[in-house]
PDB file of N, CA and C in Angstrom:
ATOM      1  N   MET A   1     249.374 180.963 344.399  1.00  0.00           N
ATOM      2  CA  MET A   1     249.452 181.723 345.635  1.00  0.00           C
ATOM      3  C   MET A   1     248.072 181.722 346.288  1.00  0.00           C
ATOM      4  N   ASP A   2     248.029 181.388 347.550  1.00  0.00           N
ATOM      5  CA  ASP A   2     246.774 181.425 348.292  1.00  0.00           C
ATOM      6  C   ASP A   2     246.607 182.828 348.881  1.00  0.00           C
ATOM      7  N   ILE A   3     245.875 183.657 348.162  1.00  0.00           N
ATOM      8  CA  ILE A   3     245.708 185.064 348.527  1.00  0.00           C
ATOM      9  C   ILE A   3     245.050 185.204 349.893  1.00  0.00           C
ATOM     10  N   GLU A   4     244.012 184.429 350.117  1.00  0.00           N
ATOM     11  CA  GLU A   4     243.272 184.532 351.381  1.00  0.00           C
ATOM     12  C   GLU A   4     244.156 184.172 352.572  1.00  0.00           C
ATOM     13  N   LYS A   5     244.912 183.108 352.448  1.00  0.00           N
ATOM     14  CA  LYS A   5     245.805 182.677 353.535  1.00  0.00           C
ATOM     15  C   LYS A   5     246.865 183.745 353.821  1.00  0.00           C
ATOM     16  N   LYS A   6     247.444 184.280 352.757  1.00  0.00           N
ATOM     17  CA  LYS A   6     248.478 185.303 352.908  1.00  0.00           C
ATOM     18  C   LYS A   6     247.906 186.560 353.571  1.00  0.00           C
ATOM     19  N   LEU A   7     246.683 186.942 353.189  1.00  0.00           N
ATOM     20  CA  LEU A   7     246.046 188.111 353.783  1.00  0.00           C
ATOM     21  C   LEU A   7     245.755 187.875 355.265  1.00  0.00           C
ATOM     22  N   LYS A   8     245.305 186.689 355.609  1.00  0.00           N
ATOM     23  CA  LYS A   8     245.060 186.360 357.019  1.00  0.00           C
ATOM     24  C   LYS A   8     246.338 186.477 357.836  1.00  0.00           C
ATOM     25  N   GLU A   9     247.443 186.016 357.282  1.00  0.00           N
ATOM     26  CA  GLU A   9     248.740 186.119 357.964  1.00  0.00           C
ATOM     27  C   GLU A   9     249.132 187.578 358.162  1.00  0.00           C
ATOM     28  N   LEU A  10     248.885 188.407 357.160  1.00  0.00           N
ATOM     29  CA  LEU A  10     249.192 189.831 357.279  1.00  0.00           C
ATOM     30  C   LEU A  10     248.344 190.492 358.366  1.00  0.00           C
ATOM     31  N   LEU A  11     247.066 190.146 358.434  1.00  0.00           N
ATOM     32  CA  LEU A  11     246.205 190.705 359.473  1.00  0.00           C
ATOM     33  C   LEU A  11     246.728 190.347 360.857  1.00  0.00           C
ATOM     34  N   LYS A  12     247.157 189.104 361.017  1.00  0.00           N
ATOM     35  CA  LYS A  12     247.691 188.665 362.314  1.00  0.00           C
ATOM     36  C   LYS A  12     248.967 189.415 362.669  1.00  0.00           C
ATOM     37  N   SER A  13     249.873 189.517 361.718  1.00  0.00           N
ATOM     38  CA  SER A  13     251.180 190.096 362.030  1.00  0.00           C
ATOM     39  C   SER A  13     251.174 191.624 362.106  1.00  0.00           C
ATOM     40  N   VAL A  14     250.327 192.275 361.313  1.00  0.00           N
ATOM     41  CA  VAL A  14     250.370 193.739 361.243  1.00  0.00           C
ATOM     42  C   VAL A  14     249.393 194.399 362.212  1.00  0.00           C
ATOM     43  N   ILE A  15     248.161 193.874 362.282  1.00  0.00           N
ATOM     44  CA  ILE A  15     247.171 194.533 363.147  1.00  0.00           C
ATOM     45  C   ILE A  15     246.654 193.625 364.262  1.00  0.00           C
ATOM     46  N   ASN A  16     247.289 192.455 364.400  1.00  0.00           N
ATOM     47  CA  ASN A  16     246.967 191.539 365.495  1.00  0.00           C
ATOM     48  C   ASN A  16     245.500 191.092 365.490  1.00  0.00           C
ATOM     49  N   VAL A  17     244.977 190.792 364.305  1.00  0.00           N
ATOM     50  CA  VAL A  17     243.604 190.308 364.167  1.00  0.00           C
ATOM     51  C   VAL A  17     243.651 188.923 363.536  1.00  0.00           C
ATOM     52  N   ASP A  18     243.131 187.932 364.275  1.00  0.00           N
ATOM     53  CA  ASP A  18     242.993 186.579 363.745  1.00  0.00           C
ATOM     54  C   ASP A  18     241.547 186.440 363.283  1.00  0.00           C
ATOM     55  N   ILE A  19     241.315 186.702 362.017  1.00  0.00           N
ATOM     56  CA  ILE A  19     239.951 186.741 361.479  1.00  0.00           C
ATOM     57  C   ILE A  19     239.249 185.402 361.656  1.00  0.00           C
ATOM     58  N   ASP A  20     239.994 184.308 361.710  1.00  0.00           N
ATOM     59  CA  ASP A  20     239.390 182.985 361.889  1.00  0.00           C
ATOM     60  C   ASP A  20     238.848 182.765 363.299  1.00  0.00           C
ATOM     61  N   SER A  21     239.235 183.601 364.242  1.00  0.00           N
ATOM     62  CA  SER A  21     238.741 183.453 365.616  1.00  0.00           C
ATOM     63  C   SER A  21     237.396 184.163 365.813  1.00  0.00           C
ATOM     64  N   PHE A  22     236.903 184.805 364.766  1.00  0.00           N
ATOM     65  CA  PHE A  22     235.623 185.513 364.806  1.00  0.00           C
ATOM     66  C   PHE A  22     234.593 184.737 363.981  1.00  0.00           C
ATOM     67  N   PRO A  23     233.307 185.006 364.199  1.00  0.00           N
ATOM     68  CA  PRO A  23     232.284 184.372 363.354  1.00  0.00           C
ATOM     69  C   PRO A  23     232.483 184.754 361.888  1.00  0.00           C
ATOM     70  N   GLU A  24     231.994 183.920 360.993  1.00  0.00           N
ATOM     71  CA  GLU A  24     232.154 184.122 359.546  1.00  0.00           C
ATOM     72  C   GLU A  24     231.718 185.519 359.099  1.00  0.00           C
ATOM     73  N   GLU A  25     230.625 186.028 359.666  1.00  0.00           N
ATOM     74  CA  GLU A  25     230.122 187.345 359.241  1.00  0.00           C
ATOM     75  C   GLU A  25     231.080 188.484 359.588  1.00  0.00           C
ATOM     76  N   ALA A  26     232.027 188.245 360.487  1.00  0.00           N
ATOM     77  CA  ALA A  26     233.001 189.277 360.865  1.00  0.00           C
ATOM     78  C   ALA A  26     233.896 189.657 359.691  1.00  0.00           C
ATOM     79  N   ARG A  27     233.979 188.812 358.696  1.00  0.00           N
ATOM     80  CA  ARG A  27     234.796 189.115 357.510  1.00  0.00           C
ATOM     81  C   ARG A  27     234.291 190.359 356.783  1.00  0.00           C
ATOM     82  N   LYS A  28     233.028 190.710 357.021  1.00  0.00           N
ATOM     83  CA  LYS A  28     232.432 191.878 356.365  1.00  0.00           C
ATOM     84  C   LYS A  28     232.424 193.119 357.266  1.00  0.00           C
ATOM     85  N   PHE A  29     232.768 192.956 358.542  1.00  0.00           N
ATOM     86  CA  PHE A  29     232.752 194.071 359.492  1.00  0.00           C
ATOM     87  C   PHE A  29     233.966 194.978 359.286  1.00  0.00           C
ATOM     88  N   PRO A  30     233.806 196.270 359.538  1.00  0.00           N
ATOM     89  CA  PRO A  30     234.960 197.188 359.432  1.00  0.00           C
ATOM     90  C   PRO A  30     236.067 196.804 360.413  1.00  0.00           C
ATOM     91  N   LEU A  31     237.272 196.694 359.903  1.00  0.00           N
ATOM     92  CA  LEU A  31     238.416 196.409 360.773  1.00  0.00           C
ATOM     93  C   LEU A  31     238.715 197.599 361.674  1.00  0.00           C
ATOM     94  N   LEU A  32     238.487 198.773 361.140  1.00  0.00           N
ATOM     95  CA  LEU A  32     238.746 200.009 361.881  1.00  0.00           C
ATOM     96  C   LEU A  32     237.562 200.252 362.818  1.00  0.00           C
ATOM     97  N   SER A  33     237.532 199.485 363.896  1.00  0.00           N
ATOM     98  CA  SER A  33     236.414 199.568 364.833  1.00  0.00           C
ATOM     99  C   SER A  33     236.833 199.016 366.190  1.00  0.00           C
ATOM    100  N   ALA A  34     236.011 199.289 367.185  1.00  0.00           N
ATOM    101  CA  ALA A  34     236.273 198.797 368.541  1.00  0.00           C
ATOM    102  C   ALA A  34     236.197 197.268 368.584  1.00  0.00           C
ATOM    103  N   ARG A  35     235.401 196.683 367.706  1.00  0.00           N
ATOM    104  CA  ARG A  35     235.259 195.222 367.666  1.00  0.00           C
ATOM    105  C   ARG A  35     236.606 194.536 367.493  1.00  0.00           C
ATOM    106  N   PHE A  36     237.438 195.102 366.645  1.00  0.00           N
ATOM    107  CA  PHE A  36     238.752 194.520 366.377  1.00  0.00           C
ATOM    108  C   PHE A  36     239.875 195.269 367.086  1.00  0.00           C
ATOM    109  N   ASN A  37     239.554 196.384 367.700  1.00  0.00           N
ATOM    110  CA  ASN A  37     240.546 197.186 368.420  1.00  0.00           C
ATOM    111  C   ASN A  37     241.690 197.623 367.498  1.00  0.00           C
ATOM    112  N   VAL A  38     241.319 198.094 366.310  1.00  0.00           N
ATOM    113  CA  VAL A  38     242.290 198.530 365.311  1.00  0.00           C
ATOM    114  C   VAL A  38     242.190 200.044 365.155  1.00  0.00           C
ATOM    115  N   TYR A  39     243.334 200.672 365.022  1.00  0.00           N
ATOM    116  CA  TYR A  39     243.423 202.133 364.923  1.00  0.00           C
ATOM    117  C   TYR A  39     243.890 202.551 363.528  1.00  0.00           C
ATOM    118  N   PRO A  40     243.629 203.809 363.154  1.00  0.00           N
ATOM    119  CA  PRO A  40     243.991 204.270 361.800  1.00  0.00           C
ATOM    120  C   PRO A  40     245.453 204.035 361.419  1.00  0.00           C
ATOM    121  N   HIS A  41     246.382 204.277 362.334  1.00  0.00           N
ATOM    122  CA  HIS A  41     247.797 204.091 361.978  1.00  0.00           C
ATOM    123  C   HIS A  41     248.098 202.620 361.676  1.00  0.00           C
ATOM    124  N   GLN A  42     247.362 201.698 362.298  1.00  0.00           N
ATOM    125  CA  GLN A  42     247.554 200.281 362.010  1.00  0.00           C
ATOM    126  C   GLN A  42     247.025 199.932 360.613  1.00  0.00           C
ATOM    127  N   MET A  43     245.918 200.562 360.243  1.00  0.00           N
ATOM    128  CA  MET A  43     245.367 200.321 358.906  1.00  0.00           C
ATOM    129  C   MET A  43     246.314 200.837 357.834  1.00  0.00           C
ATOM    130  N   MET A  44     246.975 201.947 358.117  1.00  0.00           N
ATOM    131  CA  MET A  44     247.958 202.476 357.164  1.00  0.00           C
ATOM    132  C   MET A  44     249.105 201.476 356.993  1.00  0.00           C
ATOM    133  N   GLY A  45     249.554 200.918 358.110  1.00  0.00           N
ATOM    134  CA  GLY A  45     250.601 199.900 358.052  1.00  0.00           C
ATOM    135  C   GLY A  45     250.147 198.680 357.272  1.00  0.00           C
ATOM    136  N   LEU A  46     248.901 198.259 357.483  1.00  0.00           N
ATOM    137  CA  LEU A  46     248.357 197.117 356.752  1.00  0.00           C
ATOM    138  C   LEU A  46     248.298 197.421 355.258  1.00  0.00           C
ATOM    139  N   PHE A  47     247.851 198.616 354.922  1.00  0.00           N
ATOM    140  CA  PHE A  47     247.775 199.053 353.530  1.00  0.00           C
ATOM    141  C   PHE A  47     249.140 198.886 352.847  1.00  0.00           C
ATOM    142  N   LEU A  48     250.176 199.394 353.483  1.00  0.00           N
ATOM    143  CA  LEU A  48     251.520 199.327 352.910  1.00  0.00           C
ATOM    144  C   LEU A  48     252.021 197.893 352.804  1.00  0.00           C
ATOM    145  N   LYS A  49     251.770 197.094 353.832  1.00  0.00           N
ATOM    146  CA  LYS A  49     252.218 195.691 353.826  1.00  0.00           C
ATOM    147  C   LYS A  49     251.484 194.877 352.763  1.00  0.00           C
ATOM    148  N   VAL A  50     250.209 195.154 352.562  1.00  0.00           N
ATOM    149  CA  VAL A  50     249.442 194.445 351.530  1.00  0.00           C
ATOM    150  C   VAL A  50     250.004 194.778 350.149  1.00  0.00           C
ATOM    151  N   GLU A  51     250.259 196.058 349.918  1.00  0.00           N
ATOM    152  CA  GLU A  51     250.858 196.444 348.624  1.00  0.00           C
ATOM    153  C   GLU A  51     252.199 195.747 348.415  1.00  0.00           C
ATOM    154  N   GLN A  52     252.999 195.723 349.454  1.00  0.00           N
ATOM    155  CA  GLN A  52     254.329 195.110 349.384  1.00  0.00           C
ATOM    156  C   GLN A  52     254.236 193.599 349.151  1.00  0.00           C
ATOM    157  N   ALA A  53     253.430 192.941 349.953  1.00  0.00           N
ATOM    158  CA  ALA A  53     253.348 191.479 349.916  1.00  0.00           C
ATOM    159  C   ALA A  53     252.812 190.953 348.591  1.00  0.00           C
ATOM    160  N   PHE A  54     251.844 191.658 348.027  1.00  0.00           N
ATOM    161  CA  PHE A  54     251.227 191.189 346.784  1.00  0.00           C
ATOM    162  C   PHE A  54     251.783 191.899 345.548  1.00  0.00           C
ATOM    163  N   LYS A  55     252.701 192.838 345.769  1.00  0.00           N
ATOM    164  CA  LYS A  55     253.323 193.591 344.668  1.00  0.00           C
ATOM    165  C   LYS A  55     252.249 194.247 343.795  1.00  0.00           C
ATOM    166  N   ILE A  56     251.365 194.984 344.470  1.00  0.00           N
ATOM    167  CA  ILE A  56     250.266 195.676 343.794  1.00  0.00           C
ATOM    168  C   ILE A  56     250.224 197.122 344.250  1.00  0.00           C
ATOM    169  N   GLU A  57     249.453 197.914 343.533  1.00  0.00           N
ATOM    170  CA  GLU A  57     249.157 199.278 343.957  1.00  0.00           C
ATOM    171  C   GLU A  57     247.658 199.347 344.197  1.00  0.00           C
ATOM    172  N   ILE A  58     247.288 199.649 345.429  1.00  0.00           N
ATOM    173  CA  ILE A  58     245.879 199.729 345.786  1.00  0.00           C
ATOM    174  C   ILE A  58     245.356 201.086 345.329  1.00  0.00           C
ATOM    175  N   PRO A  59     244.281 201.085 344.556  1.00  0.00           N
ATOM    176  CA  PRO A  59     243.752 202.362 344.052  1.00  0.00           C
ATOM    177  C   PRO A  59     243.132 203.208 345.164  1.00  0.00           C
ATOM    178  N   ASP A  60     243.237 204.515 345.012  1.00  0.00           N
ATOM    179  CA  ASP A  60     242.641 205.444 345.985  1.00  0.00           C
ATOM    180  C   ASP A  60     241.150 205.181 346.147  1.00  0.00           C
ATOM    181  N   SER A  61     240.517 204.731 345.081  1.00  0.00           N
ATOM    182  CA  SER A  61     239.074 204.486 345.129  1.00  0.00           C
ATOM    183  C   SER A  61     238.708 203.413 346.170  1.00  0.00           C
ATOM    184  N   ALA A  62     239.623 202.491 346.447  1.00  0.00           N
ATOM    185  CA  ALA A  62     239.365 201.454 347.450  1.00  0.00           C
ATOM    186  C   ALA A  62     239.305 202.060 348.850  1.00  0.00           C
ATOM    187  N   ILE A  63     240.043 203.133 349.056  1.00  0.00           N
ATOM    188  CA  ILE A  63     240.010 203.838 350.338  1.00  0.00           C
ATOM    189  C   ILE A  63     238.778 204.738 350.381  1.00  0.00           C
ATOM    190  N   ASP A  64     238.593 205.511 349.319  1.00  0.00           N
ATOM    191  CA  ASP A  64     237.465 206.445 349.254  1.00  0.00           C
ATOM    192  C   ASP A  64     236.130 205.741 349.430  1.00  0.00           C
ATOM    193  N   ALA A  65     235.978 204.572 348.828  1.00  0.00           N
ATOM    194  CA  ALA A  65     234.715 203.842 348.882  1.00  0.00           C
ATOM    195  C   ALA A  65     234.563 203.029 350.169  1.00  0.00           C
ATOM    196  N   GLY A  66     235.635 202.952 350.964  1.00  0.00           N
ATOM    197  CA  GLY A  66     235.580 202.186 352.202  1.00  0.00           C
ATOM    198  C   GLY A  66     235.771 200.697 352.003  1.00  0.00           C
ATOM    199  N   THR A  67     236.179 200.295 350.822  1.00  0.00           N
ATOM    200  CA  THR A  67     236.375 198.873 350.534  1.00  0.00           C
ATOM    201  C   THR A  67     237.545 198.296 351.318  1.00  0.00           C
ATOM    202  N   PHE A  68     238.590 199.091 351.497  1.00  0.00           N
ATOM    203  CA  PHE A  68     239.774 198.624 352.224  1.00  0.00           C
ATOM    204  C   PHE A  68     239.541 198.810 353.731  1.00  0.00           C
ATOM    205  N   ASN A  69     238.466 198.193 354.252  1.00  0.00           N
ATOM    206  CA  ASN A  69     238.187 198.319 355.673  1.00  0.00           C
ATOM    207  C   ASN A  69     237.536 197.073 356.253  1.00  0.00           C
ATOM    208  N   SER A  70     237.507 196.005 355.493  1.00  0.00           N
ATOM    209  CA  SER A  70     237.021 194.730 356.014  1.00  0.00           C
ATOM    210  C   SER A  70     237.865 193.637 355.361  1.00  0.00           C
ATOM    211  N   PHE A  71     237.876 192.474 355.990  1.00  0.00           N
ATOM    212  CA  PHE A  71     238.664 191.390 355.411  1.00  0.00           C
ATOM    213  C   PHE A  71     238.200 191.085 353.991  1.00  0.00           C
ATOM    214  N   ASP A  72     236.887 190.894 353.822  1.00  0.00           N
ATOM    215  CA  ASP A  72     236.372 190.579 352.485  1.00  0.00           C
ATOM    216  C   ASP A  72     236.618 191.717 351.498  1.00  0.00           C
ATOM    217  N   GLY A  73     236.520 192.950 351.966  1.00  0.00           N
ATOM    218  CA  GLY A  73     236.769 194.099 351.105  1.00  0.00           C
ATOM    219  C   GLY A  73     238.213 194.144 350.627  1.00  0.00           C
ATOM    220  N   ILE A  74     239.130 193.943 351.550  1.00  0.00           N
ATOM    221  CA  ILE A  74     240.560 193.958 351.195  1.00  0.00           C
ATOM    222  C   ILE A  74     240.867 192.799 350.261  1.00  0.00           C
ATOM    223  N   LEU A  75     240.288 191.651 350.543  1.00  0.00           N
ATOM    224  CA  LEU A  75     240.494 190.485 349.687  1.00  0.00           C
ATOM    225  C   LEU A  75     240.044 190.771 348.254  1.00  0.00           C
ATOM    226  N   SER A  76     238.914 191.425 348.097  1.00  0.00           N
ATOM    227  CA  SER A  76     238.422 191.741 346.749  1.00  0.00           C
ATOM    228  C   SER A  76     239.322 192.767 346.063  1.00  0.00           C
ATOM    229  N   VAL A  77     239.833 193.737 346.822  1.00  0.00           N
ATOM    230  CA  VAL A  77     240.749 194.742 346.257  1.00  0.00           C
ATOM    231  C   VAL A  77     242.025 194.061 345.759  1.00  0.00           C
ATOM    232  N   VAL A  78     242.556 193.155 346.550  1.00  0.00           N
ATOM    233  CA  VAL A  78     243.794 192.450 346.169  1.00  0.00           C
ATOM    234  C   VAL A  78     243.552 191.598 344.928  1.00  0.00           C
ATOM    235  N   ARG A  79     242.471 190.838 344.937  1.00  0.00           N
ATOM    236  CA  ARG A  79     242.190 189.981 343.769  1.00  0.00           C
ATOM    237  C   ARG A  79     242.004 190.804 342.502  1.00  0.00           C
ATOM    238  N   GLU A  80     241.302 191.912 342.627  1.00  0.00           N
ATOM    239  CA  GLU A  80     241.099 192.781 341.460  1.00  0.00           C
ATOM    240  C   GLU A  80     242.412 193.361 340.961  1.00  0.00           C
ATOM    241  N   ALA A  81     243.253 193.810 341.879  1.00  0.00           N
ATOM    242  CA  ALA A  81     244.556 194.385 341.487  1.00  0.00           C
ATOM    243  C   ALA A  81     245.443 193.335 340.838  1.00  0.00           C
ATOM    244  N   LEU A  82     245.403 192.118 341.337  1.00  0.00           N
ATOM    245  CA  LEU A  82     246.220 191.049 340.753  1.00  0.00           C
ATOM    246  C   LEU A  82     245.715 190.666 339.366  1.00  0.00           C
ATOM    247  N   ASN A  83     244.429 190.728 339.148  1.00  0.00           N
ATOM    248  CA  ASN A  83     243.857 190.412 337.837  1.00  0.00           C
ATOM    249  C   ASN A  83     244.203 191.472 336.803  1.00  0.00           C
ATOM    250  N   GLU A  84     244.476 192.680 337.243  1.00  0.00           N
ATOM    251  CA  GLU A  84     244.809 193.770 336.320  1.00  0.00           C
ATOM    252  C   GLU A  84     246.270 193.761 335.926  1.00  0.00           C
ATOM    253  N   LYS A  85     247.083 192.959 336.587  1.00  0.00           N
ATOM    254  CA  LYS A  85     248.517 192.909 336.276  1.00  0.00           C
ATOM    255  C   LYS A  85     248.766 192.228 334.950  1.00  0.00           C
TER     256      LYS A  85
END
């Protein structure tokens, strides 16, 4: 399974962000920002879709620490959750 490709597709379909259309460093920028025009309710939808698509449970610590707020952060959360299965 290509985790990165699947996550990019989810970003496009759920929060309308094509991460590939931004510079490489944008992968580390907070999605919940004016730069991406993403709102909290969209991030909640993304959270649920990511859990569903990858059949994982995202730990609360990923939210508390702010990890689930950038493409690279979400990617690391997904990879870590899949490794724990």
